[in-house]
Amino acid sequence: MAIDASPLTLTVYSRAYCHLCDELLEALEGLQHAVPFTVEVVDIDADPGLERSHGDRVPVLVHDGNELCHGRIDRDRVTAYLAQFR
């Protein structure tokens, strides 16, 4: 069986000047010690389709199509989710 060696990447749908987005990104930094992962930040204002679909509902934290949380970080849920990848 082949092992997937690709790094775990979480996506944050965000926008500039969003204090909740900044708080979520800072909280994610604190979780990277348990399970290494990278964060891809997608500015929804750069894509009209994303802006229409997300509107003011940012930040949104997603991995592999699974929404982990939006608005403020759900630390318990994100930690439990990341534990699957230890």
C-alpha atoms as a PDB file:
ATOM      1  CA  MET A   1       0.000   0.000   0.000  1.00  0.00           C
ATOM      2  CA  ALA A   2       1.346   3.419  -0.962  1.00  0.00           C
ATOM      3  CA  ILE A   3       1.679   6.035   1.760  1.00  0.00           C
ATOM      4  CA  ASP A   4       0.546   9.544   0.934  1.00  0.00           C
ATOM      5  CA  ALA A   5       3.530  11.698   1.840  1.00  0.00           C
ATOM      6  CA  SER A   6       1.926  14.962   0.779  1.00  0.00           C
ATOM      7  CA  PRO A   7       1.732  17.536   3.549  1.00  0.00           C
ATOM      8  CA  LEU A   8      -1.589  18.251   5.196  1.00  0.00           C
ATOM      9  CA  THR A   9      -2.946  21.554   3.904  1.00  0.00           C
ATOM     10  CA  LEU A  10      -5.840  23.407   5.494  1.00  0.00           C
ATOM     11  CA  THR A  11      -7.570  26.137   3.488  1.00  0.00           C
ATOM     12  CA  VAL A  12      -8.839  29.349   5.034  1.00  0.00           C
ATOM     13  CA  TYR A  13     -11.311  31.357   2.971  1.00  0.00           C
ATOM     14  CA  SER A  14     -10.620  34.885   4.097  1.00  0.00           C
ATOM     15  CA  ARG A  15     -10.634  38.528   3.149  1.00  0.00           C
ATOM     16  CA  ALA A  16      -8.398  41.494   3.866  1.00  0.00           C
ATOM     17  CA  TYR A  17      -9.080  43.556   6.976  1.00  0.00           C
ATOM     18  CA  CYS A  18     -10.945  40.730   8.696  1.00  0.00           C
ATOM     19  CA  HIS A  19     -10.056  40.529  12.390  1.00  0.00           C
ATOM     20  CA  LEU A  20     -11.762  37.137  12.751  1.00  0.00           C
ATOM     21  CA  CYS A  21      -9.627  35.837   9.889  1.00  0.00           C
ATOM     22  CA  ASP A  22      -6.479  37.093  11.628  1.00  0.00           C
ATOM     23  CA  GLU A  23      -7.578  35.457  14.901  1.00  0.00           C
ATOM     24  CA  LEU A  24      -8.260  32.122  13.188  1.00  0.00           C
ATOM     25  CA  LEU A  25      -4.866  32.141  11.464  1.00  0.00           C
ATOM     26  CA  GLU A  26      -3.133  32.924  14.754  1.00  0.00           C
ATOM     27  CA  ALA A  27      -4.997  30.100  16.501  1.00  0.00           C
ATOM     28  CA  LEU A  28      -3.978  27.665  13.753  1.00  0.00           C
ATOM     29  CA  GLU A  29      -0.320  28.522  14.344  1.00  0.00           C
ATOM     30  CA  GLY A  30      -0.765  27.319  17.910  1.00  0.00           C
ATOM     31  CA  LEU A  31      -2.071  23.949  16.712  1.00  0.00           C
ATOM     32  CA  GLN A  32       0.759  23.170  14.301  1.00  0.00           C
ATOM     33  CA  HIS A  33       2.931  21.620  17.015  1.00  0.00           C
ATOM     34  CA  ALA A  34       0.712  18.530  17.375  1.00  0.00           C
ATOM     35  CA  VAL A  35       0.253  17.758  13.695  1.00  0.00           C
ATOM     36  CA  PRO A  36       2.334  19.587  11.099  1.00  0.00           C
ATOM     37  CA  PHE A  37       0.219  21.256   8.444  1.00  0.00           C
ATOM     38  CA  THR A  38       0.360  24.165   6.067  1.00  0.00           C
ATOM     39  CA  VAL A  39      -2.278  26.834   5.636  1.00  0.00           C
ATOM     40  CA  GLU A  40      -3.455  28.098   2.276  1.00  0.00           C
ATOM     41  CA  VAL A  41      -5.232  31.440   2.548  1.00  0.00           C
ATOM     42  CA  VAL A  42      -7.713  32.196  -0.228  1.00  0.00           C
ATOM     43  CA  ASP A  43      -8.917  35.796  -0.545  1.00  0.00           C
ATOM     44  CA  ILE A  44     -12.578  35.467  -1.486  1.00  0.00           C
ATOM     45  CA  ASP A  45     -12.666  39.054  -2.765  1.00  0.00           C
ATOM     46  CA  ALA A  46     -10.267  38.043  -5.564  1.00  0.00           C
ATOM     47  CA  ASP A  47     -12.836  35.603  -6.976  1.00  0.00           C
ATOM     48  CA  PRO A  48     -16.398  36.806  -7.667  1.00  0.00           C
ATOM     49  CA  GLY A  49     -17.757  33.249  -7.342  1.00  0.00           C
ATOM     50  CA  LEU A  50     -16.205  32.774  -3.914  1.00  0.00           C
ATOM     51  CA  GLU A  51     -17.337  36.230  -2.842  1.00  0.00           C
ATOM     52  CA  ARG A  52     -20.911  35.375  -3.853  1.00  0.00           C
ATOM     53  CA  SER A  53     -20.857  31.983  -2.133  1.00  0.00           C
ATOM     54  CA  HIS A  54     -19.212  33.152   1.112  1.00  0.00           C
ATOM     55  CA  GLY A  55     -20.289  36.795   1.387  1.00  0.00           C
ATOM     56  CA  ASP A  56     -19.703  37.887   4.983  1.00  0.00           C
ATOM     57  CA  ARG A  57     -19.324  34.281   6.166  1.00  0.00           C
ATOM     58  CA  VAL A  58     -15.566  34.347   6.709  1.00  0.00           C
ATOM     59  CA  PRO A  59     -13.250  32.979   7.778  1.00  0.00           C
ATOM     60  CA  VAL A  60     -14.076  29.431   6.754  1.00  0.00           C
ATOM     61  CA  LEU A  61     -11.602  26.640   7.575  1.00  0.00           C
ATOM     62  CA  VAL A  62     -11.713  23.688   5.189  1.00  0.00           C
ATOM     63  CA  HIS A  63      -9.757  20.507   4.569  1.00  0.00           C
ATOM     64  CA  ASP A  64     -10.418  18.217   1.640  1.00  0.00           C
ATOM     65  CA  GLY A  65     -13.937  19.589   1.184  1.00  0.00           C
ATOM     66  CA  ASN A  66     -14.794  19.300   4.893  1.00  0.00           C
ATOM     67  CA  GLU A  67     -15.735  22.544   6.624  1.00  0.00           C
ATOM     68  CA  LEU A  68     -14.129  22.446  10.044  1.00  0.00           C
ATOM     69  CA  CYS A  69     -15.429  25.787  11.315  1.00  0.00           C
ATOM     70  CA  HIS A  70     -16.322  29.318  10.303  1.00  0.00           C
ATOM     71  CA  GLY A  71     -16.256  32.645  12.077  1.00  0.00           C
ATOM     72  CA  ARG A  72     -14.275  31.754  15.170  1.00  0.00           C
ATOM     73  CA  ILE A  73     -12.128  28.659  15.496  1.00  0.00           C
ATOM     74  CA  ASP A  74     -13.738  25.589  17.004  1.00  0.00           C
ATOM     75  CA  ARG A  75     -10.550  24.454  18.706  1.00  0.00           C
ATOM     76  CA  ASP A  76     -12.007  21.147  19.959  1.00  0.00           C
ATOM     77  CA  ARG A  77     -13.330  20.152  16.551  1.00  0.00           C
ATOM     78  CA  VAL A  78     -10.157  21.175  14.692  1.00  0.00           C
ATOM     79  CA  THR A  79      -7.931  19.393  17.238  1.00  0.00           C
ATOM     80  CA  ALA A  80     -10.015  16.215  16.982  1.00  0.00           C
ATOM     81  CA  TYR A  81      -9.913  16.407  13.202  1.00  0.00           C
ATOM     82  CA  LEU A  82      -6.140  16.891  13.124  1.00  0.00           C
ATOM     83  CA  ALA A  83      -5.665  13.923  15.500  1.00  0.00           C
ATOM     84  CA  GLN A  84      -6.662  11.651  12.620  1.00  0.00           C
ATOM     85  CA  PHE A  85      -3.416  12.574  10.869  1.00  0.00           C
ATOM     86  CA  ARG A  86      -0.931  11.789  13.637  1.00  0.00           C
END
